[in-house]
Amino acid sequence: AVFAQNSDPDQLPDKERLGWRLYEQSCSICHTKPNLVLGQFGPVLSRESLNGRPELVREVIANGTPRMPGFKHHFAPAEIDAIAAYLQTLPPAEKR
């Protein structure tokens, strides 16, 4: 099942719900627009991020990029997997 970003997280399976919680705690600060005035730092994430390849999503979360720190010392591998699984539930951002 695919869930919209604003869906009730209680409806997500356990793994994706854990991913949602971790995403909200550590990722949303850069990957969601904080309010109408401030800009967003990182790209909007969805099931299409990194060409829809969860293995690449896990690698980027673990090792980072030049603009994003890696989280392999912050998250256990199962937690990184949960975040990647949660991102697979998110539809692509609407084009403006």
N, C-alpha and C. Protein backbone atom coordinates (compact mmCIF):
# COMPACT_ATOMS: atom_id res chain seq x y z
N ALA A 1 0.83 -1.19 0.00
CA ALA A 1 0.00 0.00 0.00
C ALA A 1 0.87 1.24 0.00
N VAL A 2 0.41 2.26 -0.65
CA VAL A 2 1.13 3.52 -0.72
C VAL A 2 0.37 4.53 0.11
N PHE A 3 1.09 5.28 0.91
CA PHE A 3 0.48 6.27 1.79
C PHE A 3 0.99 7.65 1.43
N ALA A 4 0.14 8.62 1.44
CA ALA A 4 0.55 10.00 1.18
C ALA A 4 1.34 10.51 2.38
N GLN A 5 2.16 11.51 2.13
CA GLN A 5 3.03 12.04 3.16
C GLN A 5 2.25 12.50 4.39
N ASN A 6 1.05 12.99 4.21
CA ASN A 6 0.28 13.47 5.35
C ASN A 6 -0.68 12.42 5.89
N SER A 7 -0.54 11.17 5.47
CA SER A 7 -1.41 10.11 5.98
C SER A 7 -1.13 9.85 7.44
N ASP A 8 -2.07 9.21 8.06
CA ASP A 8 -1.94 8.84 9.46
C ASP A 8 -0.82 7.82 9.61
N PRO A 9 0.26 8.15 10.30
CA PRO A 9 1.36 7.19 10.46
C PRO A 9 0.95 5.92 11.19
N ASP A 10 -0.14 5.99 11.97
CA ASP A 10 -0.61 4.79 12.65
C ASP A 10 -1.12 3.74 11.68
N GLN A 11 -1.38 4.14 10.45
CA GLN A 11 -1.85 3.21 9.42
C GLN A 11 -0.69 2.52 8.69
N LEU A 12 0.52 2.99 8.93
CA LEU A 12 1.69 2.39 8.29
C LEU A 12 2.06 1.08 8.97
N PRO A 13 2.64 0.14 8.22
CA PRO A 13 3.19 -1.07 8.85
C PRO A 13 4.31 -0.67 9.83
N ASP A 14 4.65 -1.55 10.74
CA ASP A 14 5.62 -1.24 11.80
C ASP A 14 6.93 -0.66 11.29
N LYS A 15 7.52 -1.28 10.29
CA LYS A 15 8.82 -0.83 9.78
C LYS A 15 8.72 0.59 9.23
N GLU A 16 7.70 0.86 8.42
CA GLU A 16 7.52 2.18 7.84
C GLU A 16 7.16 3.22 8.90
N ARG A 17 6.40 2.80 9.93
CA ARG A 17 6.08 3.72 11.02
C ARG A 17 7.34 4.11 11.78
N LEU A 18 8.25 3.17 12.02
CA LEU A 18 9.54 3.50 12.64
C LEU A 18 10.29 4.47 11.73
N GLY A 19 10.30 4.20 10.43
CA GLY A 19 10.97 5.09 9.49
C GLY A 19 10.39 6.49 9.51
N TRP A 20 9.05 6.58 9.61
CA TRP A 20 8.40 7.89 9.70
C TRP A 20 8.88 8.63 10.94
N ARG A 21 8.89 7.93 12.08
CA ARG A 21 9.31 8.58 13.33
C ARG A 21 10.74 9.09 13.23
N LEU A 22 11.65 8.27 12.71
CA LEU A 22 13.05 8.67 12.58
C LEU A 22 13.20 9.82 11.58
N TYR A 23 12.45 9.74 10.48
CA TYR A 23 12.47 10.81 9.48
C TYR A 23 12.02 12.12 10.11
N GLU A 24 10.91 12.09 10.84
CA GLU A 24 10.40 13.31 11.48
C GLU A 24 11.41 13.88 12.47
N GLN A 25 12.11 13.02 13.19
CA GLN A 25 13.06 13.47 14.21
C GLN A 25 14.35 14.01 13.61
N SER A 26 14.84 13.41 12.53
CA SER A 26 16.19 13.73 12.06
C SER A 26 16.29 14.24 10.63
N CYS A 27 15.32 13.98 9.79
CA CYS A 27 15.44 14.30 8.37
C CYS A 27 14.56 15.47 7.94
N SER A 28 13.39 15.56 8.56
CA SER A 28 12.42 16.56 8.10
C SER A 28 12.91 17.99 8.27
N ILE A 29 13.85 18.23 9.17
CA ILE A 29 14.36 19.57 9.40
C ILE A 29 14.96 20.15 8.11
N CYS A 30 15.54 19.30 7.27
CA CYS A 30 16.12 19.77 6.01
C CYS A 30 15.28 19.40 4.79
N HIS A 31 14.49 18.34 4.89
CA HIS A 31 13.81 17.82 3.71
C HIS A 31 12.32 18.18 3.63
N THR A 32 11.86 19.06 4.52
CA THR A 32 10.51 19.61 4.39
C THR A 32 10.59 21.11 4.59
N LYS A 33 9.66 21.82 4.00
CA LYS A 33 9.63 23.28 4.12
C LYS A 33 9.10 23.62 5.50
N PRO A 34 9.90 24.36 6.31
CA PRO A 34 9.50 24.62 7.69
C PRO A 34 8.29 25.53 7.85
N ASN A 35 8.11 26.47 6.94
CA ASN A 35 6.97 27.39 7.00
C ASN A 35 6.86 28.13 5.68
N LEU A 36 5.94 29.05 5.59
CA LEU A 36 5.72 29.77 4.34
C LEU A 36 6.84 30.74 3.99
N VAL A 37 7.61 31.19 4.98
CA VAL A 37 8.62 32.21 4.76
C VAL A 37 9.99 31.62 4.45
N LEU A 38 10.40 30.63 5.23
CA LEU A 38 11.73 30.07 5.08
C LEU A 38 11.79 29.07 3.94
N GLY A 39 12.96 28.98 3.35
CA GLY A 39 13.18 28.01 2.28
C GLY A 39 13.50 26.64 2.85
N GLN A 40 13.55 25.69 1.95
CA GLN A 40 13.88 24.31 2.32
C GLN A 40 15.32 24.05 1.93
N PHE A 41 16.09 23.39 2.79
CA PHE A 41 17.50 23.17 2.54
C PHE A 41 17.75 21.99 1.60
N GLY A 42 17.16 20.84 1.91
CA GLY A 42 17.39 19.64 1.11
C GLY A 42 16.25 19.38 0.16
N PRO A 43 16.42 18.43 -0.76
CA PRO A 43 15.35 18.12 -1.70
C PRO A 43 14.18 17.42 -1.02
N VAL A 44 13.00 17.56 -1.63
CA VAL A 44 11.83 16.81 -1.19
C VAL A 44 12.10 15.34 -1.50
N LEU A 45 11.82 14.47 -0.57
CA LEU A 45 12.08 13.05 -0.76
C LEU A 45 10.78 12.30 -1.04
N SER A 46 10.89 11.23 -1.84
CA SER A 46 9.73 10.40 -2.17
C SER A 46 10.21 9.04 -2.64
N ARG A 47 9.26 8.22 -3.08
CA ARG A 47 9.61 6.91 -3.61
C ARG A 47 10.42 7.01 -4.90
N GLU A 48 10.45 8.20 -5.52
CA GLU A 48 11.24 8.39 -6.74
C GLU A 48 12.63 8.95 -6.47
N SER A 49 12.95 9.25 -5.21
CA SER A 49 14.29 9.76 -4.89
C SER A 49 15.35 8.75 -5.31
N LEU A 50 16.44 9.26 -5.86
CA LEU A 50 17.55 8.43 -6.34
C LEU A 50 17.05 7.34 -7.28
N ASN A 51 16.20 7.76 -8.21
CA ASN A 51 15.63 6.88 -9.24
C ASN A 51 14.84 5.72 -8.66
N GLY A 52 14.26 5.93 -7.46
CA GLY A 52 13.44 4.89 -6.85
C GLY A 52 14.22 3.67 -6.40
N ARG A 53 15.50 3.84 -6.15
CA ARG A 53 16.35 2.70 -5.76
C ARG A 53 16.65 2.76 -4.25
N PRO A 54 15.92 1.97 -3.46
CA PRO A 54 16.10 2.01 -2.00
C PRO A 54 17.53 1.72 -1.56
N GLU A 55 18.26 0.91 -2.30
CA GLU A 55 19.65 0.63 -1.91
C GLU A 55 20.51 1.89 -1.99
N LEU A 56 20.23 2.77 -2.95
CA LEU A 56 20.96 4.04 -3.02
C LEU A 56 20.53 4.98 -1.91
N VAL A 57 19.24 4.96 -1.59
CA VAL A 57 18.74 5.78 -0.48
C VAL A 57 19.44 5.37 0.82
N ARG A 58 19.53 4.07 1.06
CA ARG A 58 20.21 3.59 2.28
C ARG A 58 21.67 4.02 2.29
N GLU A 59 22.33 3.94 1.15
CA GLU A 59 23.74 4.34 1.06
C GLU A 59 23.93 5.82 1.37
N VAL A 60 23.06 6.66 0.82
CA VAL A 60 23.16 8.10 1.07
C VAL A 60 22.86 8.42 2.53
N ILE A 61 21.85 7.78 3.10
CA ILE A 61 21.55 8.01 4.52
C ILE A 61 22.76 7.62 5.37
N ALA A 62 23.34 6.49 5.09
CA ALA A 62 24.47 6.00 5.88
C ALA A 62 25.72 6.86 5.70
N ASN A 63 26.07 7.16 4.45
CA ASN A 63 27.36 7.79 4.16
C ASN A 63 27.30 9.27 3.87
N GLY A 64 26.11 9.80 3.61
CA GLY A 64 25.96 11.22 3.35
C GLY A 64 26.37 11.60 1.95
N THR A 65 26.38 12.91 1.71
CA THR A 65 26.78 13.53 0.45
C THR A 65 27.62 14.75 0.81
N PRO A 66 28.16 15.46 -0.18
CA PRO A 66 28.89 16.69 0.17
C PRO A 66 28.05 17.71 0.95
N ARG A 67 26.72 17.68 0.78
CA ARG A 67 25.86 18.64 1.48
C ARG A 67 25.11 18.05 2.65
N MET A 68 25.20 16.74 2.86
CA MET A 68 24.43 16.08 3.92
C MET A 68 25.36 15.16 4.72
N PRO A 69 25.27 15.23 6.04
CA PRO A 69 26.10 14.32 6.83
C PRO A 69 25.60 12.87 6.72
N GLY A 70 26.49 11.93 6.90
CA GLY A 70 26.09 10.53 6.97
C GLY A 70 25.55 10.22 8.36
N PHE A 71 24.69 9.22 8.43
CA PHE A 71 24.04 8.88 9.69
C PHE A 71 24.35 7.46 10.14
N LYS A 72 25.41 6.83 9.58
CA LYS A 72 25.71 5.45 9.94
C LYS A 72 26.15 5.30 11.40
N HIS A 73 26.60 6.37 12.00
CA HIS A 73 26.96 6.30 13.43
C HIS A 73 25.81 6.75 14.32
N HIS A 74 24.76 7.24 13.72
CA HIS A 74 23.59 7.71 14.46
C HIS A 74 22.46 6.68 14.43
N PHE A 75 22.27 6.05 13.27
CA PHE A 75 21.21 5.06 13.08
C PHE A 75 21.80 3.67 12.90
N ALA A 76 21.13 2.68 13.46
CA ALA A 76 21.48 1.28 13.22
C ALA A 76 21.06 0.93 11.79
N PRO A 77 21.67 -0.10 11.18
CA PRO A 77 21.26 -0.49 9.82
C PRO A 77 19.75 -0.73 9.68
N ALA A 78 19.12 -1.33 10.67
CA ALA A 78 17.67 -1.56 10.60
C ALA A 78 16.90 -0.24 10.60
N GLU A 79 17.41 0.77 11.28
CA GLU A 79 16.74 2.07 11.29
C GLU A 79 16.89 2.76 9.93
N ILE A 80 18.06 2.64 9.32
CA ILE A 80 18.27 3.18 7.97
C ILE A 80 17.33 2.48 7.00
N ASP A 81 17.20 1.17 7.12
CA ASP A 81 16.26 0.42 6.28
C ASP A 81 14.83 0.92 6.48
N ALA A 82 14.47 1.22 7.72
CA ALA A 82 13.11 1.69 8.03
C ALA A 82 12.86 3.06 7.38
N ILE A 83 13.84 3.94 7.43
CA ILE A 83 13.67 5.26 6.79
C ILE A 83 13.51 5.08 5.28
N ALA A 84 14.35 4.24 4.68
CA ALA A 84 14.24 3.98 3.24
C ALA A 84 12.87 3.38 2.90
N ALA A 85 12.37 2.49 3.74
CA ALA A 85 11.05 1.89 3.52
C ALA A 85 9.96 2.94 3.64
N TYR A 86 10.08 3.84 4.60
CA TYR A 86 9.09 4.91 4.74
C TYR A 86 9.09 5.80 3.50
N LEU A 87 10.27 6.16 3.00
CA LEU A 87 10.33 7.02 1.82
C LEU A 87 9.65 6.37 0.62
N GLN A 88 9.63 5.05 0.57
CA GLN A 88 8.95 4.34 -0.51
C GLN A 88 7.44 4.51 -0.44
N THR A 89 6.92 4.98 0.67
CA THR A 89 5.47 5.21 0.79
C THR A 89 5.07 6.61 0.34
N LEU A 90 6.06 7.47 0.08
CA LEU A 90 5.76 8.87 -0.24
C LEU A 90 5.62 9.09 -1.73
N PRO A 91 4.53 9.72 -2.16
CA PRO A 91 4.38 10.03 -3.58
C PRO A 91 5.36 11.14 -3.97
N PRO A 92 5.65 11.23 -5.26
CA PRO A 92 6.53 12.32 -5.71
C PRO A 92 5.88 13.69 -5.45
N ALA A 93 6.73 14.68 -5.27
CA ALA A 93 6.22 16.04 -5.06
C ALA A 93 5.50 16.53 -6.31
N GLU A 94 4.47 17.29 -6.11
CA GLU A 94 3.75 17.87 -7.25
C GLU A 94 4.62 18.91 -7.93
N LYS A 95 4.62 18.90 -9.25
CA LYS A 95 5.39 19.88 -10.03
C LYS A 95 4.65 21.21 -10.01
N ARG A 96 5.41 22.28 -9.92
CA ARG A 96 4.80 23.62 -9.91
C ARG A 96 5.14 24.35 -11.17
